[in-house]
Amino acid sequence: MIVKTFVGLRAQYAIIKKVAEQLNAPSRMATASEEARGIDGMIGDVAVSVKPETYRAKSLPEHIEAATIYYEKTRGGLDVDYSEDRRSVRRVTSAGICTR
């Protein structure tokens, strides 16, 4: 069983909220049944899963039916990579948003 830490949950909430703001879309955290499927929240009508950057390198058998948002802790806070349409990747930083 995986137990989410308070810090991890706060990071997920902040990331989902910030990305939703950048996309001008509503957001919410996942319900218990959504979490059981690996979904951490919703941005608009898109299910999202928030994972640390190190997760990309792992070859896990897990398959999540959600857009994945990756984050990395930095001195300035968090760098967040997400794909609006699964083609364009953008980086959200504490300074705002810039295309990468």
Protein backbone atom coordinates (compact mmCIF):
# COMPACT_ATOMS: atom_id res chain seq x y z
CA MET A 1 0.00 0.00 0.00
CA ILE A 2 1.30 3.46 -0.89
CA VAL A 3 0.77 6.18 1.67
CA LYS A 4 0.89 9.73 0.40
CA THR A 5 2.73 12.17 2.59
CA PHE A 6 1.32 15.51 3.61
CA VAL A 7 4.08 17.27 1.67
CA GLY A 8 3.39 15.15 -1.40
CA LEU A 9 -0.33 15.90 -1.28
CA ARG A 10 0.33 19.63 -0.88
CA ALA A 11 2.68 19.53 -3.89
CA GLN A 12 0.06 17.69 -5.97
CA TYR A 13 -2.59 20.23 -5.01
CA ALA A 14 -0.32 23.19 -5.82
CA ILE A 15 0.79 21.70 -9.15
CA ILE A 16 -2.73 20.85 -10.31
CA LYS A 17 -4.01 24.27 -9.27
CA LYS A 18 -1.14 26.14 -11.00
CA VAL A 19 -1.41 24.21 -14.26
CA ALA A 20 -5.19 24.72 -14.28
CA GLU A 21 -4.68 28.46 -13.77
CA GLN A 22 -2.24 28.55 -16.70
CA LEU A 23 -4.81 26.75 -18.87
CA ASN A 24 -7.67 28.87 -17.53
CA ALA A 25 -9.51 25.69 -16.55
CA PRO A 26 -11.24 24.48 -13.38
CA SER A 27 -9.48 21.88 -11.25
CA ARG A 28 -10.16 19.50 -8.41
CA MET A 29 -8.41 16.72 -6.56
CA ALA A 30 -9.32 13.10 -7.32
CA THR A 31 -12.07 11.17 -5.60
CA ALA A 32 -11.18 7.94 -3.79
CA SER A 33 -12.32 5.83 -6.75
CA GLU A 34 -10.25 7.95 -9.17
CA GLU A 35 -7.20 7.66 -6.91
CA ALA A 36 -7.58 3.88 -6.99
CA ARG A 37 -7.04 4.13 -10.77
CA GLY A 38 -3.91 6.29 -10.39
CA ILE A 39 -5.57 9.64 -11.02
CA ASP A 40 -4.48 12.52 -8.77
CA GLY A 41 -6.89 15.19 -9.96
CA MET A 42 -8.82 16.75 -12.81
CA ILE A 43 -7.99 19.80 -14.90
CA GLY A 44 -11.09 20.67 -16.83
CA ASP A 45 -12.33 17.26 -18.00
CA VAL A 46 -8.81 15.78 -18.24
CA ALA A 47 -7.64 13.29 -15.62
CA VAL A 48 -4.07 14.00 -14.47
CA SER A 49 -1.44 12.09 -12.55
CA VAL A 50 1.36 14.02 -10.82
CA LYS A 51 4.74 12.26 -10.70
CA PRO A 52 8.29 13.27 -9.78
CA GLU A 53 10.69 13.73 -12.71
CA THR A 54 12.59 10.60 -11.64
CA TYR A 55 9.47 8.56 -12.46
CA ARG A 56 10.13 9.00 -16.21
CA ALA A 57 13.29 6.87 -16.03
CA LYS A 58 11.63 4.00 -14.18
CA SER A 59 10.23 1.16 -16.22
CA LEU A 60 7.19 0.22 -14.20
CA PRO A 61 4.36 -2.01 -15.44
CA GLU A 62 1.85 0.60 -14.26
CA HIS A 63 -0.45 2.10 -16.89
CA ILE A 64 -2.46 5.16 -15.88
CA GLU A 65 -5.27 6.48 -18.05
CA ALA A 66 -4.41 10.11 -17.34
CA ALA A 67 -2.19 12.89 -18.62
CA THR A 68 1.01 12.87 -16.59
CA ILE A 69 2.42 16.02 -15.03
CA TYR A 70 6.07 15.71 -13.97
CA TYR A 71 7.74 17.87 -11.34
CA GLU A 72 11.23 18.41 -10.02
CA LYS A 73 12.18 20.14 -6.79
CA THR A 74 14.55 23.08 -7.29
CA ARG A 75 16.02 25.77 -5.09
CA GLY A 76 13.29 28.14 -6.25
CA GLY A 77 10.44 25.71 -5.64
CA LEU A 78 9.17 23.29 -8.28
CA ASP A 79 9.66 22.98 -12.02
CA VAL A 80 6.60 21.39 -13.58
CA ASP A 81 6.37 19.85 -17.06
CA TYR A 82 2.98 19.13 -18.59
CA SER A 83 1.47 18.55 -21.99
CA GLU A 84 -1.71 20.36 -22.89
CA ASP A 85 -2.44 18.31 -25.96
CA ARG A 86 0.19 15.54 -25.65
CA ARG A 87 2.28 17.31 -28.34
CA SER A 88 3.46 20.57 -26.79
CA VAL A 89 5.35 20.47 -23.52
CA ARG A 90 5.53 23.55 -21.35
CA ARG A 91 7.40 24.35 -18.19
CA VAL A 92 5.73 26.13 -15.28
CA THR A 93 8.09 27.78 -12.83
CA SER A 94 7.60 30.13 -9.93
CA ALA A 95 8.21 32.94 -12.45
CA GLY A 96 5.35 31.85 -14.70
CA ILE A 97 5.20 29.76 -17.85
CA CYS A 98 7.58 29.41 -20.75
CA THR A 99 7.64 27.07 -23.75
CA ARG A 100 10.31 24.42 -23.72
